[in-house]
Each structure stands twice: as C-alpha cells, then as structure tokens.
C-alpha cells in the first residue's frame, strides 16, 4: 500500500501543476471592449477533450485554461473567447490573444 502511494504521488502532483487544471494567473479572459488599444498576438482554437452532461463543464474549463496557456506562450496577457450559447455543446473553443500594456 505504501509503495503504491509513493509511486502514485509524483503522478498526482504532476497533474496538479498542469495549467489546464490550475489556470494561468498572468493571462486574463476579457471582453472585446477591454482590448481596445492592445496589440493582436494570435488566434487560438482548442477542442475540449470530453463532452456530455457530466464532464462537459470540466472539459470546457480545461480547454479554456489551455488556451490561456497557449496565449501566454505567444506573449499575450489577455484573451477574448468567442461567445457561445449557454447550455450548447461546445466542440471548438475559439479565442484571440492580445498583449495589453
């Protein structure tokens, strides 16, 4: 039992460090109005890995966080996500990344 815990602990901790799970604090999701005067950096899209009535929300949040991580890698500090209908199944998240002062 102890050996299994010792082996599993690094795997669990590595998963917790994944920005998809914990977020990206230095990149903020904002509205289109809030990026007026900022520099467009990139267009990003991400497909959620899971769908359905139970895991869809978690899948979308993970994908949104991965978009924020990609934006940070591109040099952006703001992201504008394309609006989606509440309750609609999201098969593709689209966003634009911006660098603002």
Protein backbone atom coordinates (compact mmCIF):
# COMPACT_ATOMS: atom_id res chain seq x y z
CA UNK A 1 0.00 0.00 0.00
CA UNK A 2 2.75 2.45 0.95
CA UNK A 3 4.70 1.61 -2.20
CA UNK A 4 1.65 2.32 -4.38
CA UNK A 5 1.21 5.70 -2.71
CA UNK A 6 4.89 6.56 -3.17
CA UNK A 7 4.68 5.68 -6.87
CA UNK A 8 1.35 7.46 -7.44
CA UNK A 9 2.19 10.69 -5.57
CA UNK A 10 4.53 12.17 -8.24
CA UNK A 11 1.94 11.43 -10.93
CA UNK A 12 -0.80 13.13 -8.90
CA UNK A 13 1.37 16.17 -8.16
CA UNK A 14 2.44 16.48 -11.81
CA UNK A 15 -1.23 16.57 -12.83
CA UNK A 16 -1.93 19.35 -10.34
CA UNK A 17 0.76 21.54 -11.93
CA UNK A 18 -0.89 21.30 -15.37
CA UNK A 19 -2.18 24.80 -16.27
CA UNK A 20 -5.23 23.12 -17.76
CA UNK A 21 -6.23 22.18 -14.23
CA UNK A 22 -4.89 25.09 -12.20
CA UNK A 23 -5.26 28.01 -14.62
CA UNK A 24 -2.87 30.69 -15.85
CA UNK A 25 -2.85 33.62 -13.40
CA UNK A 26 -0.87 36.02 -15.61
CA UNK A 27 -3.31 35.81 -18.57
CA UNK A 28 -6.85 37.12 -18.15
CA UNK A 29 -10.02 36.37 -20.13
CA UNK A 30 -11.70 39.68 -21.01
CA UNK A 31 -14.36 41.08 -23.36
CA UNK A 32 -13.61 42.52 -26.80
CA UNK A 33 -14.16 46.06 -25.49
CA UNK A 34 -11.38 45.62 -22.94
CA UNK A 35 -8.69 45.04 -25.59
CA UNK A 36 -9.20 48.34 -27.43
CA UNK A 37 -5.75 49.80 -27.96
CA UNK A 38 -3.99 46.45 -27.40
CA UNK A 39 -1.87 44.51 -29.91
CA UNK A 40 -3.35 41.38 -31.50
CA UNK A 41 -0.98 38.46 -30.97
CA UNK A 42 -2.68 35.32 -32.28
CA UNK A 43 -5.87 33.37 -32.95
CA UNK A 44 -6.20 30.19 -30.90
CA UNK A 45 -8.65 27.30 -31.02
CA UNK A 46 -8.93 24.26 -28.79
CA UNK A 47 -11.20 21.21 -28.83
CA UNK A 48 -12.44 20.10 -25.39
CA UNK A 49 -11.34 16.54 -24.70
CA UNK A 50 -14.61 15.46 -23.05
CA UNK A 51 -18.29 16.12 -23.71
CA UNK A 52 -21.62 15.09 -22.27
CA UNK A 53 -23.89 16.03 -19.42
CA UNK A 54 -21.41 15.10 -16.68
CA UNK A 55 -17.96 16.20 -17.87
CA UNK A 56 -18.69 18.93 -20.43
CA UNK A 57 -18.16 21.81 -18.00
CA UNK A 58 -14.84 20.43 -16.77
CA UNK A 59 -13.72 19.72 -20.35
CA UNK A 60 -14.52 23.27 -21.42
CA UNK A 61 -12.74 24.78 -18.42
CA UNK A 62 -9.65 22.66 -19.07
CA UNK A 63 -9.66 23.72 -22.76
CA UNK A 64 -10.10 27.40 -21.79
CA UNK A 65 -7.13 27.15 -19.43
CA UNK A 66 -5.04 25.51 -22.16
CA UNK A 67 -5.95 28.40 -24.50
CA UNK A 68 -4.74 30.82 -21.80
CA UNK A 69 -1.50 28.82 -21.53
CA UNK A 70 -1.01 28.97 -25.31
CA UNK A 71 -1.68 32.72 -25.27
CA UNK A 72 0.96 33.20 -22.58
CA UNK A 73 3.42 31.25 -24.73
CA UNK A 74 2.61 33.55 -27.64
CA UNK A 75 3.38 36.61 -25.49
CA UNK A 76 -0.20 37.68 -24.74
CA UNK A 77 -1.66 38.75 -21.41
CA UNK A 78 -5.35 38.99 -22.40
CA UNK A 79 -7.68 36.58 -24.21
CA UNK A 80 -11.10 37.18 -25.75
CA UNK A 81 -13.15 33.99 -26.12
CA UNK A 82 -15.78 33.69 -28.83
CA UNK A 83 -19.23 33.76 -27.26
CA UNK A 84 -21.23 30.53 -27.15
CA UNK A 85 -24.89 29.89 -26.41
CA UNK A 86 -25.46 28.94 -22.76
CA UNK A 87 -26.09 25.21 -22.46
CA UNK A 88 -24.92 24.48 -26.03
CA UNK A 89 -22.40 21.71 -26.59
CA UNK A 90 -19.05 23.28 -27.41
CA UNK A 91 -17.00 21.29 -29.90
CA UNK A 92 -14.41 24.00 -30.55
CA UNK A 93 -13.33 26.97 -28.42
CA UNK A 94 -12.07 29.95 -30.40
CA UNK A 95 -10.22 32.90 -28.94
CA UNK A 96 -7.99 35.83 -29.84
CA UNK A 97 -4.89 36.60 -27.80
CA UNK A 98 -3.84 40.19 -27.09
CA UNK A 99 -0.91 41.99 -25.48
CA UNK A 100 -2.04 44.99 -23.46
CA UNK A 101 0.06 47.48 -21.51
